[in-house]
Amino acid sequence: MRCGDQRPSSTVAPSANRTSRSGRPLTPPAAFHLLDRQLEPFRVAELLAHFAAQRGLRRVAIYYLRNTYGRELANAFEERANEIGVTIVARQSYDPSDQATARTFEPIVKQWKTLDMDAIFLAGEVPSAGFFIAKAREQGLKVPIFGGDAMSSPA
């Protein structure tokens, strides 16, 4: 999957640290430390709901991994979104035990292409989140897709 072909994107990585795995300090642009402490998933979701609202994304679909992390993130996002005027137009989960490929996500992408939405909140993890995004773009779903810290990758 080639990410550089698309619009510029932002990553909010509250679990980022200031050193590499080897213990050497990272310097820009290799890393940007946003916060000095890790955030609980519910707080990440609240911040992302505000992120959506501030950018005028008022109609959002939620696609989440069916595990504790995914459910907590999706629930907290939906709760805060409702409080600040962001409408959840669809909510669907996917099974973490599936051997995810781009084909796994074809049915939901096809269904969601017909929705009137501004964005997708993806409470997923690597690599399945990447497969979903690739399938969405391949099928012409052009809305912004954003998610929490589990979508980051050490690569």
Protein backbone atom coordinates (compact mmCIF):
# COMPACT_ATOMS: atom_id res chain seq x y z
CA MET A 1 0.00 0.00 0.00
CA ARG A 2 1.41 3.36 -1.01
CA CYS A 3 0.31 6.18 1.28
CA GLY A 4 2.22 9.01 -0.40
CA ASP A 5 -0.18 9.11 -3.35
CA GLN A 6 -3.03 10.54 -1.30
CA ARG A 7 -3.67 13.86 0.40
CA PRO A 8 -1.39 14.83 3.26
CA SER A 9 -2.44 13.21 6.52
CA SER A 10 -1.97 13.75 10.22
CA THR A 11 -1.25 11.17 12.85
CA VAL A 12 -2.13 11.63 16.49
CA ALA A 13 0.05 9.16 18.34
CA PRO A 14 -0.41 9.65 22.08
CA SER A 15 1.73 6.62 22.82
CA ALA A 16 4.72 7.96 20.90
CA ASN A 17 7.94 8.31 22.82
CA ARG A 18 11.06 10.37 22.34
CA THR A 19 13.47 7.48 21.74
CA SER A 20 13.83 4.72 19.21
CA ARG A 21 13.67 1.05 20.16
CA SER A 22 17.44 1.08 20.50
CA GLY A 23 17.20 3.90 23.03
CA ARG A 24 18.65 6.57 20.74
CA PRO A 25 16.76 9.88 20.69
CA LEU A 26 14.62 10.53 17.64
CA THR A 27 14.80 13.91 16.02
CA PRO A 28 12.36 15.54 13.62
CA PRO A 29 11.10 14.61 11.13
CA ALA A 30 11.45 10.99 12.31
CA ALA A 31 9.17 11.56 15.28
CA PHE A 32 6.97 14.24 16.74
CA HIS A 33 6.19 13.84 20.41
CA LEU A 34 2.68 15.15 20.99
CA LEU A 35 2.11 14.33 24.64
CA ASP A 36 4.27 13.49 27.63
CA ARG A 37 2.00 10.73 28.90
CA GLN A 38 -0.05 7.94 27.47
CA LEU A 39 -3.77 8.43 27.21
CA GLU A 40 -6.50 5.97 27.98
CA PRO A 41 -8.51 4.87 24.93
CA PHE A 42 -11.58 6.83 26.06
CA ARG A 43 -9.56 10.06 26.17
CA VAL A 44 -8.05 9.37 22.74
CA ALA A 45 -11.57 8.89 21.37
CA GLU A 46 -12.81 12.11 22.96
CA LEU A 47 -9.95 14.05 21.38
CA LEU A 48 -10.63 12.46 18.01
CA ALA A 49 -14.33 13.39 18.23
CA HIS A 50 -13.28 17.00 18.75
CA PHE A 51 -10.77 16.64 15.90
CA ALA A 52 -13.66 15.63 13.61
CA ALA A 53 -15.95 18.43 14.78
CA GLN A 54 -13.28 21.10 14.41
CA ARG A 55 -12.77 20.05 10.80
CA GLY A 56 -16.47 20.15 9.98
CA LEU A 57 -16.85 16.36 9.81
CA ARG A 58 -20.44 16.22 11.09
CA ARG A 59 -21.59 12.85 9.71
CA VAL A 60 -19.22 10.04 10.68
CA ALA A 61 -19.36 6.25 10.37
CA ILE A 62 -17.61 4.09 12.97
CA TYR A 63 -15.84 0.88 12.01
CA TYR A 64 -14.25 -0.91 14.95
CA LEU A 65 -12.32 -4.03 15.79
CA ARG A 66 -14.49 -6.39 17.85
CA ASN A 67 -12.24 -6.54 20.91
CA THR A 68 -11.94 -4.54 24.14
CA TYR A 69 -9.78 -1.82 22.60
CA GLY A 70 -12.01 -1.37 19.56
CA ARG A 71 -15.26 -1.36 21.53
CA GLU A 72 -13.97 1.09 24.15
CA LEU A 73 -12.64 3.45 21.51
CA ALA A 74 -15.81 3.26 19.42
CA ASN A 75 -18.11 3.72 22.42
CA ALA A 76 -16.17 6.70 23.76
CA PHE A 77 -15.99 8.31 20.32
CA GLU A 78 -19.72 7.88 19.76
CA GLU A 79 -20.60 9.22 23.21
CA ARG A 80 -18.48 12.37 22.80
CA ALA A 81 -19.57 12.83 19.18
CA ASN A 82 -23.22 12.83 20.21
CA GLU A 83 -22.48 15.44 22.90
CA ILE A 84 -20.80 17.85 20.46
CA GLY A 85 -23.14 17.52 17.47
CA VAL A 86 -21.36 14.92 15.34
CA THR A 87 -23.88 12.44 13.97
CA ILE A 88 -22.98 8.76 13.76
CA VAL A 89 -24.48 7.59 10.47
CA ALA A 90 -23.38 3.94 10.73
CA ARG A 91 -21.58 1.67 13.13
CA GLN A 92 -20.14 -1.72 12.27
CA SER A 93 -17.55 -4.06 13.78
CA TYR A 94 -15.19 -6.62 12.33
CA ASP A 95 -13.81 -9.80 13.86
CA PRO A 96 -10.17 -9.69 15.01
CA SER A 97 -9.79 -13.44 14.49
CA ASP A 98 -10.45 -13.17 10.75
CA GLN A 99 -7.39 -13.39 8.53
CA ALA A 100 -7.99 -9.90 7.21
CA THR A 101 -7.22 -9.01 3.64
CA ALA A 102 -8.48 -6.21 1.44
CA ARG A 103 -11.20 -8.59 0.22
CA THR A 104 -12.49 -9.00 3.80
CA PHE A 105 -13.67 -5.39 3.72
CA GLU A 106 -15.35 -5.32 0.29
CA PRO A 107 -18.95 -5.71 1.56
CA ILE A 108 -18.76 -2.88 4.12
CA VAL A 109 -17.01 -0.54 1.67
CA LYS A 110 -19.65 -1.23 -0.96
CA GLN A 111 -22.43 -0.57 1.56
CA TRP A 112 -20.85 2.60 2.95
CA LYS A 113 -20.23 4.13 -0.48
CA THR A 114 -23.96 4.82 -0.56
CA LEU A 115 -23.99 6.67 2.77
CA ASP A 116 -24.06 10.43 3.12
CA MET A 117 -21.05 10.78 5.41
CA ASP A 118 -18.13 13.12 5.91
CA ALA A 119 -15.60 10.66 7.39
CA ILE A 120 -14.94 7.24 8.90
CA PHE A 121 -13.63 6.74 12.41
CA LEU A 122 -11.64 3.50 12.31
CA ALA A 123 -11.01 1.95 15.72
CA GLY A 124 -8.71 -0.71 14.35
CA GLU A 125 -5.19 -2.05 14.48
CA VAL A 126 -2.40 -2.73 12.03
CA PRO A 127 -2.49 -4.60 9.64
CA SER A 128 -6.27 -4.94 9.27
CA ALA A 129 -6.82 -1.17 9.40
CA GLY A 130 -4.43 -0.78 6.48
CA PHE A 131 -6.31 -3.38 4.45
CA PHE A 132 -9.59 -1.56 5.12
CA ILE A 133 -8.16 1.80 4.04
CA ALA A 134 -6.62 0.26 0.90
CA LYS A 135 -9.95 -1.34 -0.08
CA ALA A 136 -11.87 1.86 0.63
CA ARG A 137 -9.58 3.89 -1.63
CA GLU A 138 -9.50 1.20 -4.31
CA GLN A 139 -13.31 1.20 -4.41
CA GLY A 140 -13.51 4.99 -4.62
CA LEU A 141 -14.50 5.83 -1.04
CA LYS A 142 -12.83 9.22 -0.74
CA VAL A 143 -13.91 10.49 2.70
CA PRO A 144 -11.23 11.04 5.35
CA ILE A 145 -10.47 8.00 7.52
CA PHE A 146 -8.98 8.58 10.94
CA GLY A 147 -8.34 6.49 14.02
CA GLY A 148 -6.46 6.00 17.26
CA ASP A 149 -2.94 5.12 18.24
CA ALA A 150 -3.21 1.40 17.42
CA MET A 151 -3.19 2.29 13.73
CA SER A 152 0.42 3.39 13.95
CA SER A 153 3.20 1.04 12.94
CA PRO A 154 6.83 0.77 14.06
CA ALA A 155 7.94 0.41 10.42
